[in-house]
Amino acid sequence: MDLDAYVSAHRATWERLDTLSRRRRLTGAEADEIIDTYQRVATHLSVIRSSAPDAALVAYLSALLARARGRASGTRVSTWSTFIDFFAVTFPAALYRMRWWWLTVMGVCVLAAAVMTWWVLEHPRIESSFASPQEIERLVTNDFENYYSEFEATSFAARVWTNNFWLAAMCIVVGIFGLPVIWMLYSNILNLVVIASIMIRHGRGDLFFGLLLPHGMLELTCLFVAAGVGLRTFWSWVSPGNRTRAAALGEEGRAAIGVALGLVVVLLICGVIEAFVTPSPLPTWARIGIGVTAWLLFMAYVFIAGRRAHETGETGDLAELDRGLTAPTV
């Protein structure tokens, strides 16, 4: 056998197997292709061993087949690789794909909060229906400011993180029903409006925004994301498009679970900021600057990493992550 001619004829197949075996994620078609290519290269190795043994070439093909077999054997990649892949691709892709849902929720809620605050300020008597004069006095002079420093910082961060994630998770979980999400948004916005109007009316608006903005921008954005994703899940079975309702709900539901898992980390960052930055002795401009920076980094993460992942065909569906981590056994 002419070894040089044989190598020249099959080199492209070997290089293709090498490329597929080095990829972290494989599509369904690529998973099928790596199995077929593996079998062909295994045949090539057998022919070379029996007809024209070349130690270097045999070693190269053996190593190539070993790596390809490990890639296609159905063994999951490491936990760290899974973690990195999720936050580099799956999570931002889901956020970007559903951006118009949560951006719309954000815009409506911010506008509603501004209008409602203005209305309460223009009608002072409404304030008394929310709290007694004594409660208002305590809120303005002590309670609002002390809330951020009355507990030990680490314990407070854990408490805030747990509460915020519970709220975000509930928005996603009950999103399939639609209306409960709207009610949860209304309740939280109303609570914010009442406190804001009371603090502003009593000349403590600077304190209110100085303590709210460092953590509140990112924290509220997470709430808007959760609500938008929940409403998208609701809409997936109301208007499934060219999918069946079951398929649409399954795809959007898996993506929603992925978003919930990603928000665990984002809300942890919010909790750390709220516990360690918000009550800190840093100047107000510095504390707000940290909050603005965290919010801008999150938005950059969505619209840079998320758009890049989305353009490659990622949707945020956890099933895609699973297909990228495993392949059928050779």
Protein backbone atom coordinates (compact mmCIF):
# COMPACT_ATOMS: atom_id res chain seq x y z
CA MET A 1 0.00 0.00 0.00
CA ASP A 2 1.23 3.52 -0.85
CA LEU A 3 1.16 5.09 2.62
CA ASP A 4 1.61 8.67 1.37
CA ALA A 5 -1.32 8.33 -1.01
CA TYR A 6 -3.45 6.76 1.72
CA VAL A 7 -2.65 9.58 4.13
CA SER A 8 -3.41 12.19 1.47
CA ALA A 9 -6.76 10.56 0.70
CA HIS A 10 -7.93 10.43 4.30
CA ARG A 11 -6.23 13.39 5.97
CA ALA A 12 -9.37 15.57 5.70
CA THR A 13 -11.38 12.94 7.59
CA TRP A 14 -8.78 12.80 10.38
CA GLU A 15 -8.67 16.57 10.66
CA ARG A 16 -12.47 16.71 10.83
CA LEU A 17 -12.49 14.18 13.67
CA ASP A 18 -9.83 16.21 15.45
CA THR A 19 -11.96 19.36 15.13
CA LEU A 20 -15.12 17.68 16.40
CA SER A 21 -13.35 16.01 19.32
CA ARG A 22 -12.05 19.39 20.57
CA ARG A 23 -15.43 21.13 20.59
CA ARG A 24 -17.06 21.70 23.95
CA ARG A 25 -20.57 21.63 22.49
CA LEU A 26 -21.92 19.45 19.68
CA THR A 27 -25.19 19.84 17.83
CA GLY A 28 -27.30 16.77 17.19
CA ALA A 29 -25.91 16.51 13.64
CA GLU A 30 -22.34 16.86 14.87
CA ALA A 31 -22.90 14.18 17.52
CA ASP A 32 -23.98 11.80 14.74
CA GLU A 33 -21.05 12.91 12.58
CA ILE A 34 -18.41 12.30 15.25
CA ILE A 35 -19.63 8.72 15.69
CA ASP A 36 -19.58 8.03 11.94
CA THR A 37 -16.16 9.69 11.53
CA TYR A 38 -14.78 7.81 14.53
CA GLN A 39 -15.74 4.49 12.98
CA ARG A 40 -14.14 5.39 9.64
CA VAL A 41 -10.90 6.53 11.25
CA ALA A 42 -10.82 3.36 13.35
CA THR A 43 -10.99 1.42 10.07
CA HIS A 44 -8.15 3.52 8.65
CA LEU A 45 -6.01 2.73 11.70
CA SER A 46 -6.69 -0.97 11.33
CA VAL A 47 -5.68 -0.86 7.64
CA ILE A 48 -2.45 1.00 8.41
CA ARG A 49 -1.50 -1.38 11.18
CA SER A 50 -1.99 -4.43 8.98
CA SER A 51 -0.64 -3.14 5.66
CA ALA A 52 1.89 -0.37 6.21
CA PRO A 53 2.66 0.07 9.91
CA ASP A 54 4.14 3.46 10.68
CA ALA A 55 4.80 4.07 14.37
CA ALA A 56 4.29 7.84 14.29
CA LEU A 57 1.09 7.64 12.26
CA VAL A 58 -0.31 4.80 14.37
CA ALA A 59 0.40 6.80 17.55
CA TYR A 60 -1.28 9.91 16.09
CA LEU A 61 -4.43 8.06 15.03
CA SER A 62 -4.60 6.14 18.30
CA ALA A 63 -4.46 9.39 20.31
CA LEU A 64 -7.03 10.98 18.00
CA LEU A 65 -9.42 8.05 18.43
CA ALA A 66 -8.94 8.02 22.20
CA ARG A 67 -9.86 11.69 22.46
CA ALA A 68 -12.81 11.30 20.09
CA ARG A 69 -14.06 8.26 22.00
CA GLY A 70 -13.93 10.20 25.25
CA ARG A 71 -15.83 13.05 23.62
CA ALA A 72 -18.49 10.78 22.17
CA SER A 73 -18.75 8.23 24.95
CA GLY A 74 -21.58 10.02 26.72
CA THR A 75 -19.40 11.00 29.67
CA ARG A 76 -20.19 14.48 30.92
CA VAL A 77 -17.53 17.14 30.95
CA SER A 78 -16.31 18.43 34.26
CA THR A 79 -18.54 20.37 36.62
CA TRP A 80 -16.43 23.48 36.10
CA SER A 81 -16.79 23.20 32.32
CA THR A 82 -20.54 22.85 32.74
CA PHE A 83 -20.63 25.87 35.02
CA ILE A 84 -18.55 27.99 32.64
CA ASP A 85 -20.56 26.92 29.61
CA PHE A 86 -23.83 27.78 31.33
CA PHE A 87 -22.76 31.30 32.32
CA ALA A 88 -20.84 31.99 29.12
CA VAL A 89 -23.51 30.78 26.70
CA THR A 90 -26.81 29.40 27.99
CA PHE A 91 -27.79 32.01 30.59
CA PRO A 92 -26.87 35.14 28.61
CA ALA A 93 -28.49 33.69 25.46
CA ALA A 94 -31.78 33.23 27.34
CA LEU A 95 -31.60 36.76 28.75
CA TYR A 96 -30.91 38.23 25.32
CA ARG A 97 -33.58 36.20 23.50
CA MET A 98 -36.24 37.27 25.98
CA ARG A 99 -34.92 40.83 26.34
CA TRP A 100 -38.01 42.54 24.96
CA TRP A 101 -40.19 40.87 27.56
CA TRP A 102 -38.21 41.99 30.60
CA LEU A 103 -37.20 45.33 29.13
CA THR A 104 -40.88 46.07 28.55
CA VAL A 105 -41.68 45.04 32.13
CA MET A 106 -38.87 47.29 33.33
CA GLY A 107 -40.05 50.28 31.33
CA VAL A 108 -43.69 49.90 32.38
CA CYS A 109 -42.80 49.44 36.06
CA VAL A 110 -40.40 52.39 36.20
CA LEU A 111 -42.95 54.64 34.48
CA ALA A 112 -45.74 53.39 36.75
CA ALA A 113 -43.60 53.95 39.85
CA ALA A 114 -42.80 57.51 38.78
CA VAL A 115 -46.46 58.34 38.05
CA MET A 116 -47.70 56.72 41.26
CA THR A 117 -45.09 58.55 43.37
CA TRP A 118 -46.06 61.86 41.79
CA TRP A 119 -49.74 61.11 42.46
CA VAL A 120 -49.16 60.31 46.13
CA LEU A 121 -47.03 63.44 46.57
CA GLU A 122 -49.76 65.54 44.96
CA HIS A 123 -52.38 64.08 47.32
CA PRO A 124 -50.92 64.21 50.84
CA ARG A 125 -53.97 62.67 52.47
CA ILE A 126 -53.30 59.36 50.75
CA GLU A 127 -50.19 58.93 52.90
CA SER A 128 -52.25 58.50 56.06
CA SER A 129 -54.02 55.47 54.56
CA PHE A 130 -50.73 53.61 54.40
CA ALA A 131 -49.31 54.31 57.86
CA SER A 132 -50.02 56.18 61.08
CA PRO A 133 -48.16 59.42 61.91
CA GLN A 134 -46.06 57.52 64.46
CA GLU A 135 -45.09 54.85 61.92
CA ILE A 136 -44.22 57.50 59.37
CA GLU A 137 -42.07 59.32 61.92
CA ARG A 138 -40.17 56.14 62.79
CA LEU A 139 -39.66 55.31 59.10
CA VAL A 140 -38.28 58.75 58.29
CA THR A 141 -36.04 59.17 61.33
CA ASN A 142 -34.77 55.66 62.00
CA ASP A 143 -36.32 52.59 60.44
CA PHE A 144 -35.42 53.08 56.77
CA GLU A 145 -31.76 53.86 57.42
CA ASN A 146 -31.33 51.33 60.24
CA TYR A 147 -32.77 48.52 58.13
CA TYR A 148 -29.47 48.24 56.23
CA SER A 149 -27.22 48.11 59.28
CA GLU A 150 -29.18 46.53 62.15
CA PHE A 151 -27.97 43.00 61.30
CA GLU A 152 -24.45 41.63 60.92
CA ALA A 153 -23.43 42.09 57.28
CA THR A 154 -22.88 38.45 56.33
CA SER A 155 -26.15 37.37 57.90
CA PHE A 156 -27.97 40.27 56.27
CA ALA A 157 -26.51 39.41 52.84
CA ALA A 158 -27.73 35.82 53.16
CA ARG A 159 -31.16 36.99 54.28
CA VAL A 160 -31.52 39.47 51.43
CA TRP A 161 -30.27 36.94 48.89
CA THR A 162 -32.75 34.31 50.05
CA ASN A 163 -35.70 36.71 50.07
CA ASN A 164 -34.90 38.19 46.67
CA PHE A 165 -34.35 34.83 45.03
CA TRP A 166 -37.60 33.53 46.50
CA LEU A 167 -39.45 36.48 44.96
CA ALA A 168 -37.74 36.06 41.59
CA ALA A 169 -38.34 32.30 41.60
CA MET A 170 -42.02 32.81 42.39
CA CYS A 171 -42.36 35.21 39.45
CA ILE A 172 -40.95 32.52 37.17
CA VAL A 173 -42.84 29.60 38.70
CA VAL A 174 -46.27 31.27 38.68
CA GLY A 175 -45.52 32.91 35.35
CA ILE A 176 -47.39 30.14 33.57
CA PHE A 177 -50.63 31.65 34.96
CA GLY A 178 -49.82 35.23 33.92
CA LEU A 179 -51.89 37.33 36.33
CA PRO A 180 -50.06 36.37 39.57
CA VAL A 181 -46.87 37.88 38.11
CA ILE A 182 -48.62 41.18 37.45
CA TRP A 183 -50.00 41.19 41.00
CA MET A 184 -46.54 40.54 42.49
CA LEU A 185 -45.06 43.37 40.44
CA TYR A 186 -47.83 45.72 41.51
CA SER A 187 -47.40 44.85 45.19
CA ASN A 188 -43.66 45.45 45.14
CA ILE A 189 -43.90 48.66 43.12
CA LEU A 190 -46.62 49.98 45.43
CA ASN A 191 -44.46 49.30 48.48
CA LEU A 192 -41.56 51.13 46.85
CA VAL A 193 -43.79 54.07 45.90
CA VAL A 194 -45.18 54.45 49.43
CA ILE A 195 -41.74 54.54 51.03
CA ALA A 196 -40.36 56.85 48.34
CA SER A 197 -43.22 59.35 48.65
CA ILE A 198 -43.00 59.43 52.45
CA MET A 199 -39.23 59.95 52.44
CA ILE A 200 -39.40 62.64 49.74
CA ARG A 201 -42.27 64.50 51.41
CA HIS A 202 -40.34 64.68 54.69
CA GLY A 203 -37.15 65.93 53.10
CA ARG A 204 -35.28 62.62 53.14
CA GLY A 205 -35.31 61.91 49.43
CA ASP A 206 -31.52 62.10 49.25
CA LEU A 207 -31.23 59.44 51.94
CA PHE A 208 -33.81 57.26 50.21
CA PHE A 209 -32.08 57.27 46.84
CA GLY A 210 -28.62 57.14 48.39
CA LEU A 211 -29.50 53.88 50.14
CA LEU A 212 -31.69 52.36 47.44
CA LEU A 213 -29.71 52.90 44.26
CA PRO A 214 -26.44 51.08 45.13
CA HIS A 215 -28.14 47.69 45.23
CA GLY A 216 -31.63 48.55 43.96
CA MET A 217 -30.85 49.05 40.28
CA LEU A 218 -29.51 45.53 39.80
CA GLU A 219 -31.92 43.99 42.30
CA LEU A 220 -35.01 45.46 40.65
CA THR A 221 -33.66 44.52 37.22
CA CYS A 222 -33.48 40.90 38.40
CA LEU A 223 -37.12 41.16 39.48
CA PHE A 224 -38.08 42.58 36.08
CA VAL A 225 -36.14 39.80 34.34
CA ALA A 226 -37.91 37.13 36.40
CA ALA A 227 -41.30 38.70 35.72
CA GLY A 228 -40.61 39.05 32.00
CA VAL A 229 -39.46 35.45 31.75
CA GLY A 230 -42.51 34.30 33.69
CA LEU A 231 -44.83 36.19 31.35
CA ARG A 232 -42.98 34.77 28.33
CA THR A 233 -43.66 31.28 29.68
CA PHE A 234 -47.34 32.20 30.03
CA TRP A 235 -47.45 33.48 26.46
CA SER A 236 -45.74 30.35 25.11
CA TRP A 237 -48.87 28.26 25.64
CA VAL A 238 -51.30 31.08 24.79
CA SER A 239 -49.59 31.65 21.43
CA PRO A 240 -47.20 28.76 20.66
CA GLY A 241 -46.63 29.74 17.03
CA ASN A 242 -45.68 26.82 14.80
CA ARG A 243 -44.96 24.59 17.82
CA THR A 244 -47.41 22.50 19.75
CA ARG A 245 -48.42 24.00 23.09
CA ALA A 246 -46.62 21.22 24.95
CA ALA A 247 -43.41 21.73 22.97
CA ALA A 248 -43.54 25.51 23.36
CA LEU A 249 -44.19 25.29 27.09
CA GLY A 250 -41.40 22.74 27.47
CA GLU A 251 -38.83 24.85 25.64
CA GLU A 252 -39.71 28.09 27.39
CA GLY A 253 -40.03 26.33 30.74
CA ARG A 254 -36.52 24.88 30.48
CA ALA A 255 -35.14 28.28 29.50
CA ALA A 256 -37.00 29.85 32.45
CA ILE A 257 -35.43 27.35 34.84
CA GLY A 258 -32.03 28.27 33.41
CA VAL A 259 -32.71 31.95 34.02
CA ALA A 260 -33.75 31.20 37.60
CA LEU A 261 -30.48 29.35 38.18
CA GLY A 262 -28.49 32.22 36.70
CA LEU A 263 -30.28 34.79 38.83
CA VAL A 264 -29.06 32.93 41.92
CA VAL A 265 -25.58 34.31 41.24
CA VAL A 266 -26.72 37.78 40.16
CA LEU A 267 -28.90 38.17 43.25
CA LEU A 268 -26.00 37.00 45.42
CA ILE A 269 -24.05 39.97 44.05
CA CYS A 270 -27.01 42.22 44.90
CA GLY A 271 -27.07 40.85 48.44
CA VAL A 272 -23.37 41.50 48.91
CA ILE A 273 -23.74 45.08 47.68
CA GLU A 274 -26.77 45.68 49.90
CA ALA A 275 -25.04 44.28 52.99
CA PHE A 276 -21.55 45.69 52.56
CA VAL A 277 -21.80 48.73 50.26
CA THR A 278 -25.20 50.31 50.94
CA PRO A 279 -24.63 50.90 54.70
CA SER A 280 -20.90 51.60 54.35
CA PRO A 281 -19.32 54.97 55.26
CA LEU A 282 -18.39 55.56 51.62
CA PRO A 283 -19.60 58.84 50.11
CA THR A 284 -23.02 58.62 48.49
CA TRP A 285 -21.59 59.17 45.03
CA ALA A 286 -19.18 56.25 45.51
CA ARG A 287 -21.89 53.88 46.72
CA ILE A 288 -24.19 54.81 43.85
CA GLY A 289 -21.24 54.52 41.46
CA ILE A 290 -20.69 50.93 42.55
CA GLY A 291 -24.37 50.19 41.95
CA VAL A 292 -24.32 51.81 38.52
CA THR A 293 -21.17 49.86 37.60
CA ALA A 294 -22.74 46.54 38.65
CA TRP A 295 -25.88 47.34 36.64
CA LEU A 296 -23.91 48.35 33.54
CA LEU A 297 -21.80 45.19 33.74
CA PHE A 298 -24.96 43.09 33.85
CA MET A 299 -26.43 44.89 30.84
CA ALA A 300 -23.14 44.50 28.95
CA TYR A 301 -23.18 40.79 29.82
CA VAL A 302 -26.65 40.46 28.32
CA PHE A 303 -26.13 42.53 25.20
CA ILE A 304 -22.58 41.45 24.36
CA ALA A 305 -22.19 37.85 25.57
CA GLY A 306 -25.90 37.16 25.18
CA ARG A 307 -26.14 38.52 21.66
CA ARG A 308 -23.01 36.64 20.60
CA ALA A 309 -24.40 33.37 21.96
CA HIS A 310 -27.84 34.00 20.46
CA GLU A 311 -26.36 34.64 17.02
CA THR A 312 -24.80 31.17 17.08
CA GLY A 313 -28.26 29.65 17.50
CA GLU A 314 -28.39 29.35 21.29
CA THR A 315 -31.83 29.92 22.84
CA GLY A 316 -31.12 29.31 26.52
CA ASP A 317 -32.99 26.00 26.49
CA LEU A 318 -31.26 23.73 29.04
CA ALA A 319 -31.77 20.81 26.65
CA GLU A 320 -29.23 22.45 24.33
CA LEU A 321 -26.71 22.57 27.16
CA ASP A 322 -27.31 18.89 27.86
CA ARG A 323 -26.86 17.96 24.19
CA GLY A 324 -23.62 19.91 24.15
CA LEU A 325 -22.26 18.00 27.13
CA THR A 326 -23.10 14.43 26.10
CA ALA A 327 -23.26 12.32 22.99
CA PRO A 328 -24.43 8.79 22.20
CA THR A 329 -22.04 6.00 23.09
CA VAL A 330 -19.84 4.78 20.27
